Amino acid sequence: MVKHGARNWGLFQLNFGRVKAMSSCSYCGKQRAALKRCSRCKQASYCGAECQNAAWKGHRKACVTLDDVFEKVNAANLRKDWREVLKWERRMEEMMENQADAACNAILATYVDAHTGAFNSTGSKDDSLSIVRLETRRVELLGKMQLFRDQGDALCRVADGLLFLDKHQEAEGYFQRARKIAEAHGFFSVECRSCLGLGELAMAEGLEEEGVELLRNALVCVPLCEEDDTTMELRVLDFLTDALFHTHAIDEMEPLVTRFLEAAKAESQKWGRLHWFELQSVVASARLHEVLCIAPRVGSPLTLLGPCIPPRPIASATGSTWSE
């Protein structure tokens, strides 16, 4: 059994079926009825020994047995080297052939993690599409295995990817499915993520009252989550303070802004650098400070903004320059 780095699941190496032979020679490109496959990697096919020998210099680096692929992928996954993992994605279907459901799920999860690392590094739309594609396959597998909490998490990741791709209607459907699973089984972390996503969608569609209520529900779920997730709390506070600002619920917004500032500052100290959410919390604080135009209380986090400034129209206090 080979352990999966993030989830400690096995990639069970069973007997693999034969890969369908290519219809043209990998070296000269000639079409032939019968080609001979490379006996080591089973990926390239040749007219005969002459073409194989001529192609060896270029084929050498790619000529890796399936057992070696498993070893390389798992080693790269353990050290979180997403580039090395994605290098072997072309062999993923072969790795999954004749595997048990748990093993297929672990392989898919490995490549989800790799594409997530790539997306966090580059923000590529292609990586977001890959995450959606792979997680959609995992959703069905996890349901079949009755791993409903993991299925709910996978549904939320699909929905997050669709949101990034501006496919709001499809994203809403996946968030709704995740919320139903959360309500049926009492998974507060899934409930939190799905309510956050649905609240964001509702605000984008102009359904402000519904959006704020969903975001409030997400915040209630934060301390009840199965795992302590500070980032999720910060995400909820970011969206909720923004929603309260736009709905002019200033009295409710004020204590949440203080909580947001403190939590974001703690997260920056944890990572030893200025965290993006700390900038967002300062934006929220600046909005509140501008609307109320109050003199900050001694010891209040609002004191970092300095003296009170003359109020401007609320519509201009978007804080967009902080997030660009």
Protein backbone atom coordinates (compact mmCIF):
# COMPACT_ATOMS: atom_id res chain seq x y z
CA MET A 1 0.00 0.00 0.00
CA VAL A 2 1.26 3.44 -0.91
CA LYS A 3 0.06 6.23 1.34
CA HIS A 4 -1.60 9.33 -0.05
CA GLY A 5 0.12 12.36 1.45
CA ALA A 6 -2.83 14.55 2.40
CA ARG A 7 -5.50 11.95 3.20
CA ASN A 8 -3.45 8.88 4.09
CA TRP A 9 -5.42 6.70 1.69
CA GLY A 10 -3.91 3.80 -0.19
CA LEU A 11 -3.10 3.79 -3.87
CA PHE A 12 -3.63 0.07 -4.31
CA GLN A 13 -1.47 -1.26 -7.12
CA LEU A 14 -3.38 -4.06 -8.81
CA ASN A 15 -2.90 -5.82 -12.13
CA PHE A 16 -3.50 -3.38 -14.98
CA GLY A 17 -5.13 -4.23 -18.27
CA ARG A 18 -3.36 -3.72 -21.55
CA VAL A 19 -3.26 -0.22 -22.99
CA LYS A 20 -4.75 0.02 -26.45
CA ALA A 21 -1.99 -0.02 -29.07
CA MET A 22 -1.40 3.13 -31.10
CA SER A 23 -2.32 3.02 -34.76
CA SER A 24 0.82 4.78 -35.96
CA CYS A 25 4.51 4.43 -35.19
CA SER A 26 5.66 6.77 -32.41
CA TYR A 27 8.86 7.47 -34.36
CA CYS A 28 8.17 7.54 -38.10
CA GLY A 29 4.38 8.00 -37.94
CA LYS A 30 3.62 5.28 -40.47
CA GLN A 31 0.27 3.53 -40.16
CA ARG A 32 0.60 -0.20 -39.61
CA ALA A 33 -1.79 -3.00 -38.76
CA ALA A 34 0.53 -4.46 -36.12
CA LEU A 35 2.88 -2.33 -34.04
CA LYS A 36 5.16 -3.39 -31.22
CA ARG A 37 4.76 -1.57 -27.93
CA CYS A 38 7.63 -0.52 -25.69
CA SER A 39 7.88 -3.39 -23.22
CA ARG A 40 8.76 -1.08 -20.33
CA CYS A 41 6.29 1.82 -20.33
CA LYS A 42 3.63 0.29 -22.61
CA GLN A 43 2.96 3.81 -23.97
CA ALA A 44 4.91 4.07 -27.23
CA SER A 45 4.51 1.79 -30.26
CA TYR A 46 6.99 1.19 -33.09
CA CYS A 47 7.26 -0.49 -36.47
CA GLY A 48 10.12 -2.58 -35.12
CA ALA A 49 13.53 -2.51 -33.44
CA GLU A 50 14.96 -0.04 -35.95
CA CYS A 51 12.39 2.68 -35.14
CA GLN A 52 12.57 1.92 -31.43
CA ASN A 53 16.35 2.28 -31.33
CA ALA A 54 16.20 5.50 -33.33
CA ALA A 55 13.55 6.92 -30.96
CA TRP A 56 15.28 5.89 -27.73
CA LYS A 57 17.19 9.16 -27.19
CA GLY A 58 13.97 11.16 -27.16
CA HIS A 59 11.81 8.47 -25.53
CA ARG A 60 14.22 7.68 -22.70
CA LYS A 61 13.00 10.25 -20.18
CA ALA A 62 9.34 9.39 -20.73
CA CYS A 63 9.89 5.62 -20.57
CA VAL A 64 8.71 4.90 -17.03
CA THR A 65 6.93 1.80 -15.73
CA LEU A 66 3.58 2.20 -14.00
CA ASP A 67 5.09 1.16 -10.65
CA ASP A 68 7.67 3.93 -11.07
CA VAL A 69 4.90 6.42 -11.88
CA PHE A 70 3.11 5.53 -8.62
CA GLU A 71 6.35 5.98 -6.71
CA LYS A 72 7.19 9.32 -8.34
CA VAL A 73 3.66 10.72 -7.91
CA ASN A 74 3.41 9.72 -4.26
CA ALA A 75 6.88 11.06 -3.43
CA ALA A 76 6.05 14.37 -5.15
CA ASN A 77 2.69 14.56 -3.37
CA LEU A 78 4.30 14.04 0.04
CA ARG A 79 6.68 16.95 -0.55
CA LYS A 80 3.81 18.98 -2.12
CA ASP A 81 5.57 19.34 -5.46
CA TRP A 82 2.54 19.99 -7.67
CA ARG A 83 4.65 20.46 -10.79
CA GLU A 84 6.07 16.93 -10.54
CA VAL A 85 2.63 15.44 -9.82
CA LEU A 86 1.07 17.15 -12.85
CA LYS A 87 3.93 15.95 -15.00
CA TRP A 88 2.43 12.46 -14.76
CA GLU A 89 -1.23 13.38 -15.17
CA ARG A 90 -1.20 11.86 -18.66
CA ARG A 91 -0.86 8.47 -16.92
CA MET A 92 -3.71 9.08 -14.47
CA GLU A 93 -6.33 7.01 -16.28
CA GLU A 94 -3.87 4.14 -16.56
CA MET A 95 -3.16 4.42 -12.80
CA MET A 96 -6.89 4.17 -12.06
CA GLU A 97 -7.54 1.20 -14.32
CA ASN A 98 -8.90 -1.84 -12.42
CA GLN A 99 -8.51 -0.03 -9.09
CA ALA A 100 -10.84 -0.15 -6.10
CA ASP A 101 -13.05 2.91 -5.50
CA ALA A 102 -10.92 4.07 -2.53
CA ALA A 103 -7.78 3.98 -4.64
CA CYS A 104 -9.42 5.85 -7.54
CA ASN A 105 -10.63 8.49 -5.10
CA ALA A 106 -7.12 8.87 -3.66
CA ILE A 107 -5.59 9.25 -7.12
CA LEU A 108 -8.16 11.88 -8.11
CA ALA A 109 -7.59 13.68 -4.77
CA THR A 110 -3.86 13.75 -5.44
CA TYR A 111 -4.39 15.53 -8.75
CA VAL A 112 -6.98 17.89 -7.22
CA ASP A 113 -4.35 18.88 -4.65
CA ALA A 114 -1.78 19.38 -7.41
CA HIS A 115 -4.07 21.57 -9.53
CA THR A 116 -5.03 23.52 -6.39
CA GLY A 117 -1.35 24.21 -5.75
CA ALA A 118 -0.93 25.29 -9.36
CA PHE A 119 -4.02 27.52 -9.20
CA ASN A 120 -2.85 29.18 -5.97
CA SER A 121 0.47 29.87 -7.65
CA THR A 122 -0.71 31.05 -11.07
CA GLY A 123 -4.47 31.70 -10.89
CA SER A 124 -4.86 29.81 -14.16
CA LYS A 125 -8.36 29.24 -15.52
CA ASP A 126 -7.20 25.86 -16.87
CA ASP A 127 -6.35 24.70 -13.35
CA SER A 128 -9.78 25.79 -12.12
CA LEU A 129 -11.39 23.79 -14.93
CA SER A 130 -9.29 20.76 -14.00
CA ILE A 131 -10.30 21.03 -10.33
CA VAL A 132 -13.98 21.14 -11.32
CA ARG A 133 -13.55 18.15 -13.66
CA LEU A 134 -11.70 16.00 -11.14
CA GLU A 135 -13.85 16.91 -8.14
CA THR A 136 -17.00 16.15 -10.13
CA ARG A 137 -15.70 12.62 -10.60
CA ARG A 138 -14.88 12.40 -6.89
CA VAL A 139 -18.42 13.48 -5.93
CA GLU A 140 -19.89 10.37 -7.53
CA LEU A 141 -17.24 8.06 -6.07
CA LEU A 142 -17.62 9.45 -2.55
CA GLY A 143 -21.40 9.08 -2.71
CA LYS A 144 -20.98 5.48 -3.81
CA MET A 145 -18.60 4.91 -0.86
CA GLN A 146 -21.04 6.72 1.51
CA LEU A 147 -18.35 9.19 2.59
CA PHE A 148 -20.88 11.99 2.79
CA ARG A 149 -18.80 14.62 4.57
CA ASP A 150 -16.04 14.30 1.97
CA GLN A 151 -18.72 14.37 -0.73
CA GLY A 152 -20.07 17.64 0.70
CA ASP A 153 -16.57 19.15 0.70
CA ALA A 154 -16.05 18.02 -2.90
CA LEU A 155 -19.38 19.57 -3.94
CA CYS A 156 -18.31 22.88 -2.39
CA ARG A 157 -14.98 22.77 -4.22
CA VAL A 158 -16.77 22.15 -7.53
CA ALA A 159 -19.05 25.10 -6.78
CA ASP A 160 -16.11 27.35 -5.84
CA GLY A 161 -14.44 26.48 -9.15
CA LEU A 162 -17.63 27.23 -11.08
CA LEU A 163 -17.92 30.57 -9.27
CA PHE A 164 -14.42 31.47 -10.43
CA LEU A 165 -15.48 30.56 -13.97
CA ASP A 166 -18.59 32.80 -13.64
CA LYS A 167 -20.96 29.84 -13.95
CA HIS A 168 -23.22 31.05 -11.14
CA GLN A 169 -26.30 28.95 -11.87
CA GLU A 170 -24.33 25.70 -11.92
CA ALA A 171 -22.42 26.73 -8.79
CA GLU A 172 -25.69 27.37 -6.93
CA GLY A 173 -26.87 23.84 -7.74
CA TYR A 174 -23.71 22.28 -6.27
CA PHE A 175 -23.87 24.48 -3.15
CA GLN A 176 -27.52 23.45 -2.65
CA ARG A 177 -26.59 19.77 -2.91
CA ALA A 178 -23.80 20.27 -0.37
CA ARG A 179 -26.15 22.04 2.03
CA LYS A 180 -28.71 19.22 1.85
CA ILE A 181 -25.98 16.73 2.76
CA ALA A 182 -24.83 18.97 5.63
CA GLU A 183 -28.36 19.31 7.02
CA ALA A 184 -29.05 15.59 6.70
CA HIS A 185 -25.87 14.52 8.52
CA GLY A 186 -25.03 17.50 10.74
CA PHE A 187 -21.78 18.49 9.02
CA PHE A 188 -21.25 22.08 10.21
CA SER A 189 -18.12 22.66 8.10
CA VAL A 190 -20.03 21.77 4.92
CA GLU A 191 -22.99 23.86 6.09
CA CYS A 192 -20.65 26.80 6.64
CA ARG A 193 -19.04 26.54 3.19
CA SER A 194 -22.31 26.05 1.35
CA CYS A 195 -24.06 28.95 3.15
CA LEU A 196 -21.06 31.18 2.44
CA GLY A 197 -21.22 30.35 -1.28
CA LEU A 198 -25.00 30.71 -1.49
CA GLY A 199 -24.81 34.00 0.41
CA GLU A 200 -22.19 35.33 -1.99
CA LEU A 201 -24.37 34.34 -4.96
CA ALA A 202 -27.48 35.91 -3.42
CA MET A 203 -25.66 39.21 -2.84
CA ALA A 204 -24.38 39.17 -6.43
CA GLU A 205 -27.95 38.70 -7.68
CA GLY A 206 -29.21 41.62 -5.57
CA LEU A 207 -31.04 39.41 -3.04
CA GLU A 208 -29.49 41.27 -0.14
CA GLU A 209 -31.80 40.14 2.68
CA GLU A 210 -31.44 36.49 1.71
CA GLY A 211 -27.69 36.86 1.24
CA VAL A 212 -27.12 38.44 4.66
CA GLU A 213 -29.19 35.72 6.36
CA LEU A 214 -27.15 32.98 4.67
CA LEU A 215 -23.89 34.66 5.66
CA ARG A 216 -25.12 35.00 9.26
CA ASN A 217 -25.87 31.28 9.26
CA ALA A 218 -22.36 30.57 7.96
CA LEU A 219 -20.87 32.61 10.82
CA VAL A 220 -22.95 30.69 13.38
CA CYS A 221 -21.55 27.43 11.97
CA VAL A 222 -17.89 28.54 12.24
CA PRO A 223 -17.33 27.62 15.93
CA LEU A 224 -19.27 24.38 15.45
CA CYS A 225 -17.11 23.12 12.56
CA GLU A 226 -15.52 19.70 12.97
CA GLU A 227 -12.08 21.22 12.40
CA ASP A 228 -10.71 24.57 13.54
CA ASP A 229 -10.46 26.62 10.33
CA THR A 230 -9.41 30.24 10.88
CA THR A 231 -9.37 30.91 7.14
CA MET A 232 -13.04 29.98 6.86
CA GLU A 233 -13.91 32.36 9.70
CA LEU A 234 -12.01 35.15 7.95
CA ARG A 235 -13.76 34.45 4.65
CA VAL A 236 -17.17 34.59 6.31
CA LEU A 237 -16.32 37.79 8.20
CA ASP A 238 -15.01 39.37 4.99
CA PHE A 239 -18.22 38.68 3.05
CA LEU A 240 -20.58 39.38 5.95
CA THR A 241 -19.08 42.76 6.89
CA ASP A 242 -19.21 43.74 3.21
CA ALA A 243 -22.86 42.65 2.98
CA LEU A 244 -23.80 44.53 6.16
CA PHE A 245 -22.07 47.64 4.84
CA HIS A 246 -24.09 47.56 1.62
CA THR A 247 -27.35 46.93 3.52
CA HIS A 248 -26.52 49.75 5.99
CA ALA A 249 -26.67 47.43 9.03
CA ILE A 250 -23.95 49.44 10.75
CA ASP A 251 -24.84 48.49 14.33
CA GLU A 252 -24.39 44.80 13.53
CA MET A 253 -21.31 45.49 11.44
CA GLU A 254 -19.31 47.29 14.15
CA PRO A 255 -18.56 44.34 16.51
CA LEU A 256 -17.91 42.06 13.55
CA VAL A 257 -15.33 44.48 12.13
CA THR A 258 -13.49 44.42 15.48
CA ARG A 259 -13.57 40.61 15.43
CA PHE A 260 -12.38 40.60 11.81
CA LEU A 261 -9.45 42.89 12.60
CA GLU A 262 -8.32 40.80 15.56
CA ALA A 263 -8.65 37.46 13.75
CA ALA A 264 -6.85 38.74 10.64
CA LYS A 265 -4.02 40.22 12.69
CA ALA A 266 -3.60 36.90 14.51
CA GLU A 267 -3.44 35.11 11.15
CA SER A 268 -0.71 37.49 9.93
CA GLN A 269 1.30 36.84 13.09
CA LYS A 270 0.84 33.10 12.63
CA TRP A 271 2.33 33.21 9.12
CA GLY A 272 4.95 35.85 9.94
CA ARG A 273 3.84 38.16 7.14
CA LEU A 274 0.98 40.47 6.23
CA HIS A 275 -1.99 38.29 5.36
CA TRP A 276 -4.40 39.32 2.60
CA PHE A 277 -7.33 39.15 5.04
CA GLU A 278 -5.67 41.74 7.26
CA LEU A 279 -5.85 44.19 4.37
CA GLN A 280 -9.51 43.27 3.86
CA SER A 281 -10.22 43.79 7.56
CA VAL A 282 -8.67 47.27 7.39
CA VAL A 283 -10.91 48.03 4.40
CA ALA A 284 -13.96 46.97 6.42
CA SER A 285 -12.78 49.07 9.35
CA ALA A 286 -12.19 52.08 7.09
CA ARG A 287 -15.71 51.78 5.70
CA LEU A 288 -17.22 51.65 9.16
CA HIS A 289 -15.04 54.52 10.36
CA GLU A 290 -16.00 56.62 7.36
CA VAL A 291 -19.73 56.01 7.73
CA LEU A 292 -19.83 56.73 11.47
CA CYS A 293 -17.06 59.35 11.44
CA ILE A 294 -16.42 58.55 15.09
CA ALA A 295 -13.44 59.35 17.29
CA PRO A 296 -11.80 55.96 17.92
CA ARG A 297 -11.95 54.71 21.45
CA VAL A 298 -8.60 54.23 23.23
CA GLY A 299 -7.43 50.66 22.72
CA SER A 300 -9.88 50.01 19.87
CA PRO A 301 -8.52 48.41 16.67
CA LEU A 302 -10.02 51.39 14.85
CA THR A 303 -7.19 53.56 16.18
CA LEU A 304 -4.90 52.24 13.45
CA LEU A 305 -6.85 54.43 11.02
CA GLY A 306 -5.86 57.69 12.72
CA PRO A 307 -8.13 60.69 13.31
CA CYS A 308 -11.67 60.92 12.02
CA ILE A 309 -11.98 62.08 8.42
CA PRO A 310 -14.87 64.02 6.85
CA PRO A 311 -17.54 61.63 5.53
CA ARG A 312 -17.98 61.03 1.80
CA PRO A 313 -20.92 59.37 0.05
CA ILE A 314 -21.18 55.72 1.05
CA ALA A 315 -21.08 54.59 -2.58
CA SER A 316 -17.49 55.82 -2.93
CA ALA A 317 -16.19 53.84 0.06
CA THR A 318 -15.74 50.58 -1.82
CA GLY A 319 -12.17 49.83 -0.76
CA SER A 320 -11.41 48.51 -4.27
CA THR A 321 -7.86 49.84 -4.23
CA TRP A 322 -7.01 47.53 -1.33
CA SER A 323 -7.89 44.39 -3.21
CA GLU A 324 -6.26 45.25 -6.53
